[in-house]
Amino acid sequence: MICIDNADAYFKSHPMGANWAEYSAEQRTNAIEYAKRELSRALGRPMKEDEPQYAYGDMVRDEYAVYEQALYVLLRDCQPKATGVVMPSAEPDEAQPTAHTMANGKDHFAAEALRWLGGSVRVETVLG
């Protein structure tokens, strides 16, 4: 399941774990939801919420891709524990189509997120 508790566990032994912990729980939760929406839109499919437990050697994991993208979004767009500012929004804005696809959004998606999605993801989504 893709959630803050599992993200916190993921980042516990991660080299960027201290960066993740600098953000409030609300910021981390919002970033996870935002990253899930962004990746889902770019891939043209929902993120897998029911993956089996991680086994050593797993190379493709939607949940870890979401966590990496969430951290990337926080580092790029947010101030840690900023007073009164909780970005990104947890609310989906379907009227705002994503301008980024996996093919054209190289700088929009975290390299680690792309690796967890299989490394050579080449998906384009056209939203009208």
Protein backbone atom coordinates (compact mmCIF):
# COMPACT_ATOMS: atom_id res chain seq x y z
CA MET A 1 0.00 0.00 0.00
CA ILE A 2 1.30 3.45 -0.92
CA CYS A 3 1.09 5.55 2.26
CA ILE A 4 3.14 7.77 4.55
CA ASP A 5 3.92 4.97 7.02
CA ASN A 6 5.43 2.84 4.27
CA ALA A 7 7.24 5.85 2.82
CA ASP A 8 8.72 6.65 6.23
CA ALA A 9 9.90 3.04 6.51
CA TYR A 10 11.37 3.22 2.99
CA PHE A 11 13.34 6.37 3.80
CA LYS A 12 14.51 5.12 7.21
CA SER A 13 17.69 3.60 5.75
CA HIS A 14 17.74 5.70 2.57
CA PRO A 15 20.66 8.09 1.89
CA MET A 16 18.13 10.95 1.58
CA GLY A 17 16.14 9.88 4.64
CA ALA A 18 17.15 12.94 6.65
CA ASN A 19 15.82 15.17 3.88
CA TRP A 20 12.49 13.30 3.90
CA ALA A 21 12.20 13.70 7.67
CA GLU A 22 12.65 17.50 7.44
CA TYR A 23 9.14 17.86 6.00
CA SER A 24 5.96 17.77 8.05
CA ALA A 25 3.71 14.73 7.94
CA GLU A 26 1.13 16.79 6.04
CA GLN A 27 3.70 17.84 3.43
CA ARG A 28 4.92 14.24 3.03
CA THR A 29 1.35 12.91 2.72
CA ASN A 30 0.43 15.55 0.14
CA ALA A 31 3.62 14.89 -1.81
CA ILE A 32 2.85 11.16 -1.94
CA GLU A 33 -0.66 11.80 -3.30
CA TYR A 34 0.68 14.34 -5.79
CA ALA A 35 3.46 11.99 -6.97
CA LYS A 36 0.99 9.13 -7.31
CA ARG A 37 -1.26 11.26 -9.53
CA GLU A 38 1.63 12.59 -11.62
CA LEU A 39 3.14 9.17 -12.28
CA SER A 40 -0.25 7.59 -12.92
CA ARG A 41 -1.15 10.27 -15.47
CA ALA A 42 2.21 10.00 -17.21
CA LEU A 43 2.04 6.21 -17.36
CA GLY A 44 -1.62 6.15 -18.35
CA ARG A 45 -2.46 3.65 -15.62
CA PRO A 46 -3.08 3.61 -11.88
CA MET A 47 -0.13 2.96 -9.61
CA LYS A 48 -0.08 -0.56 -8.17
CA GLU A 49 -1.25 -0.39 -4.56
CA ASP A 50 -1.23 -4.14 -3.92
CA GLU A 51 2.37 -5.11 -4.63
CA PRO A 52 3.75 -8.08 -2.72
CA GLN A 53 6.20 -7.41 0.08
CA TYR A 54 9.64 -6.30 -1.16
CA ALA A 55 12.07 -9.12 -1.79
CA TYR A 56 15.81 -8.52 -2.10
CA GLY A 57 16.59 -7.98 -5.75
CA ASP A 58 13.24 -6.50 -6.76
CA MET A 59 13.95 -3.93 -9.45
CA VAL A 60 10.48 -2.64 -10.32
CA ARG A 61 8.19 -1.23 -7.62
CA ASP A 62 5.46 1.37 -8.17
CA GLU A 63 5.33 2.26 -4.48
CA TYR A 64 9.04 3.07 -4.31
CA ALA A 65 8.77 5.10 -7.52
CA VAL A 66 6.02 7.15 -5.86
CA TYR A 67 8.13 7.73 -2.73
CA GLU A 68 11.14 8.82 -4.78
CA GLN A 69 8.97 11.17 -6.84
CA ALA A 70 7.39 12.56 -3.66
CA LEU A 71 10.80 13.40 -2.20
CA TYR A 72 11.85 14.96 -5.50
CA VAL A 73 8.75 17.16 -5.51
CA LEU A 74 9.34 18.24 -1.90
CA LEU A 75 12.98 19.11 -2.52
CA ARG A 76 12.13 20.94 -5.73
CA ASP A 77 9.00 22.84 -4.66
CA CYS A 78 8.70 23.10 -0.87
CA GLN A 79 10.34 24.55 2.19
CA PRO A 80 10.63 22.06 5.06
CA LYS A 81 7.88 22.58 7.62
CA ALA A 82 7.00 25.91 6.05
CA THR A 83 4.48 27.82 8.13
CA GLY A 84 1.12 27.94 6.45
CA VAL A 85 2.42 26.50 3.19
CA VAL A 86 1.66 22.90 2.42
CA MET A 87 2.60 22.17 -1.14
CA PRO A 88 1.88 20.27 -3.24
CA SER A 89 -1.87 19.98 -2.98
CA ALA A 90 -3.37 16.69 -1.88
CA GLU A 91 -6.45 17.51 -3.94
CA PRO A 92 -6.47 16.35 -7.56
CA ASP A 93 -6.97 19.07 -10.13
CA GLU A 94 -8.30 17.21 -13.13
CA ALA A 95 -8.86 20.49 -14.96
CA GLN A 96 -5.08 20.97 -14.94
CA PRO A 97 -3.73 18.38 -17.36
CA THR A 98 -0.15 17.32 -16.89
CA ALA A 99 2.20 18.71 -19.49
CA HIS A 100 4.75 16.03 -18.76
CA THR A 101 4.96 12.50 -20.05
CA MET A 102 7.60 9.92 -19.35
CA ALA A 103 9.08 10.70 -22.75
CA ASN A 104 9.19 14.50 -22.51
CA GLY A 105 9.35 15.10 -18.77
CA LYS A 106 12.91 14.01 -18.08
CA ASP A 107 13.55 16.83 -15.61
CA HIS A 108 10.06 16.59 -14.12
CA PHE A 109 10.49 13.03 -12.86
CA ALA A 110 13.06 11.81 -10.35
CA ALA A 111 15.71 9.56 -11.86
CA GLU A 112 15.27 7.12 -8.96
CA ALA A 113 11.52 7.03 -9.55
CA LEU A 114 12.10 6.16 -13.19
CA ARG A 115 14.53 3.39 -12.19
CA TRP A 116 11.88 1.86 -9.90
CA LEU A 117 9.47 1.95 -12.84
CA GLY A 118 11.82 -0.12 -14.94
CA GLY A 119 14.45 2.36 -16.01
CA SER A 120 13.55 2.49 -19.67
CA VAL A 121 9.93 3.59 -19.41
CA ARG A 122 8.87 5.16 -22.72
CA VAL A 123 5.23 6.11 -22.33
CA GLU A 124 3.52 9.15 -23.80
CA THR A 125 0.13 10.31 -22.64
CA VAL A 126 -1.90 12.84 -24.57
CA LEU A 127 -4.40 14.68 -22.43
CA GLY A 128 -6.98 16.86 -24.11
